[in-house]
Structure formats: C-alpha cells, structure tokens
Amino acid sequence: QVQLVESGGGLVQAGASLRLSCAASGRDFDAWAMGWFRQAPGKEREFVGIVNWSGEDTLYADSVKGRFTISRDNGANTMRLQMNNVKPEDTAVYYCAADPRSGGPFIRAVVSGIQRMGYWGKGTLVTVSS
C-alpha cells in the first residue's frame, strides 16, 4: 500500500526559509514521478512543482520559480521541497503526490492540469506571517 507522509510545515515569517519532506513507502519509487501541490484557504489545489524519476528534471509553477527547489533521494524514498523567501501568499496546505508514470508527456500533462497524479499524502500546513 502506497503511503506518502509530509512533514516540516509550520508557522514562519515572510522572507524565511522552510523545508518540507515527503516520506514514501509501500513501493519502489525509483521510477516514479513525484510532485508538490498546495491548497490555500478557500482556493482550489494548485501545482507547485514536479520532479522526474531521476531528480534531474524539475518543473515549477511560475509563482514559486526561483524560490522553491525540489529534490529527491531515491535510496531513502524521500522528496523534499526547499522553500526560500516565503511570502504570505505561500500559506497553504502542501501535499506530496506520486505516480508511476514518469514520462515527459505525463509530467507536462500534470503541470497543465490535464492529468492528476495517482497517490497523495494528507498534507502539511505552512503558514507565512507578514
């Protein structure tokens, strides 16, 4: 059974840094795509970033590009989201997601909202104060 567990959320001030982690279990995730999404209060869930199976290719939402960085450690079945220079508009529940489809077309479809990743964590809350 696939399990994705996020950690690292909390309350931080604007301009600070925060690192989220996602621990994956139940499968060999080496060939899986993994991604981060977020849902702010009263808004729909939105794409934050995605990483391919090797960790070499990443794509980000324009709103976080240059501030957030995704990395993964396949040996530890872990993915991280380094959040720098956070802003109040980054306040949201952040979700880890994974999917066995890791090809370029699928990743691009996820970024554009056409496809949805198959497995999700329960989320971790990030609150950024101004």
Foldseek 3Di string as FASTA:
>chain_A
DKAKAKDWADEEAAQAKTKMKIAIDDDQQLQKKKAKWWDAPPGDIAGAKIAANPQPDMDGDPVQPPFWDWGDDSVRRMIMIIGGRDDQVVWTWMKMAMANDGDPVQVVCVNVVNDDGDDIHPTDTHGYHD
